[in-house]
Each structure stands twice: as C-alpha cells, then as structure tokens.
Amino acid sequence: MKGLALDSLRQKLYYTAEGDDAKIAEISTDGTNHRVVLRQPGMKPRAVILHDECRLVAYNHSTDAVVAL
C-alpha cells in the first residue's frame, strides 16, 4: 500500500495497492463495505487524493487519471 486518503464526510478510506493485485479501493472507516474502485492490467498506483466537492478520486501513476466516485 502506497497511498491513503480519508473522506471524512462519507466515512471512507481510499487506498492504493501495488503488485499482482494492483488497484485503488475504498473501505468504510468501520472496516465494512470494501469495494475496488479501479483495477487495470499494468496499473502501478502510487498516490491517491480526493476532491470532496466534485466527488472525484485522482491518483498518480505513470500517467495521471481521475475517476468519479
């Protein structure tokens, strides 16, 4: 895990995972409701940030991307 971002309004934690199971995922702060937000072959996410007002997750990779929540 390289990147973490907390959405305190929605009580969700977003994180990046590398390796064979590279992904960006979210989980509720109480440990429930785990969901993969984005998984693509060859993906190497390093950092994740949130834009609360627009409900967007942005991440850093060899190319940058933005995903709507």
Protein backbone atom coordinates (compact mmCIF):
# COMPACT_ATOMS: atom_id res chain seq x y z
CA MET A 1 0.00 0.00 0.00
CA LYS A 2 1.44 3.35 -1.04
CA GLY A 3 -1.36 5.91 -0.96
CA LEU A 4 -4.13 6.70 1.53
CA ALA A 5 -6.87 9.32 1.51
CA LEU A 6 -9.69 9.79 4.02
CA ASP A 7 -13.14 11.02 3.02
CA SER A 8 -14.33 12.22 6.43
CA LEU A 9 -17.74 13.31 5.11
CA ARG A 10 -18.63 9.85 3.79
CA GLN A 11 -16.51 7.95 6.34
CA LYS A 12 -14.48 6.12 3.67
CA LEU A 13 -10.80 5.36 3.34
CA TYR A 14 -9.30 5.15 -0.15
CA TYR A 15 -6.02 3.32 -0.74
CA THR A 16 -3.73 2.10 -3.48
CA ALA A 17 -2.29 -1.41 -3.69
CA GLU A 18 0.61 -2.50 -5.89
CA GLY A 19 1.88 -5.79 -7.23
CA ASP A 20 -0.16 -8.61 -8.76
CA ASP A 21 -3.37 -7.20 -7.24
CA ALA A 22 -2.74 -3.52 -8.10
CA LYS A 23 -5.86 -1.41 -7.53
CA ILE A 24 -7.48 1.59 -5.96
CA ALA A 25 -10.09 0.61 -3.41
CA GLU A 26 -12.33 2.09 -0.75
CA ILE A 27 -13.46 0.79 2.61
CA SER A 28 -15.71 2.27 5.28
CA THR A 29 -13.87 3.56 8.34
CA ASP A 30 -15.63 0.86 10.41
CA GLY A 31 -14.00 -1.85 8.24
CA THR A 32 -17.10 -2.77 6.21
CA ASN A 33 -18.16 -2.16 2.61
CA HIS A 34 -14.87 -2.84 0.81
CA ARG A 35 -15.05 -2.04 -2.91
CA VAL A 36 -12.48 -1.91 -5.73
CA VAL A 37 -12.79 1.47 -7.46
CA LEU A 38 -10.31 0.81 -10.28
CA ARG A 39 -8.21 -2.16 -11.40
CA GLN A 40 -6.42 -2.30 -14.75
CA PRO A 41 -3.67 -4.56 -16.13
CA GLY A 42 -0.23 -2.98 -15.72
CA MET A 43 -1.52 -0.44 -13.24
CA LYS A 44 1.01 0.91 -10.70
CA PRO A 45 -0.84 3.41 -8.49
CA ARG A 46 1.33 5.31 -6.02
CA ALA A 47 -0.76 8.09 -4.51
CA VAL A 48 -4.46 8.89 -4.20
CA ILE A 49 -6.21 12.17 -3.39
CA LEU A 50 -9.86 13.18 -3.06
CA HIS A 51 -11.82 16.16 -4.29
CA ASP A 52 -14.82 16.09 -1.95
CA GLU A 53 -16.93 18.74 -3.67
CA CYS A 54 -16.70 17.08 -7.09
CA ARG A 55 -16.70 13.53 -5.64
CA LEU A 56 -13.56 12.61 -7.58
CA VAL A 57 -10.63 10.36 -6.78
CA ALA A 58 -7.35 11.22 -8.51
CA TYR A 59 -4.30 9.01 -8.47
CA ASN A 60 -0.69 9.14 -9.57
CA HIS A 61 0.65 6.52 -11.95
CA SER A 62 2.96 6.64 -14.94
CA THR A 63 0.03 8.60 -16.38
CA ASP A 64 -2.40 10.55 -14.19
CA ALA A 65 -6.09 9.67 -14.07
CA VAL A 66 -9.31 10.85 -12.44
CA VAL A 67 -12.22 8.56 -11.54
CA ALA A 68 -15.72 9.69 -10.49
CA LEU A 69 -16.97 8.21 -7.21
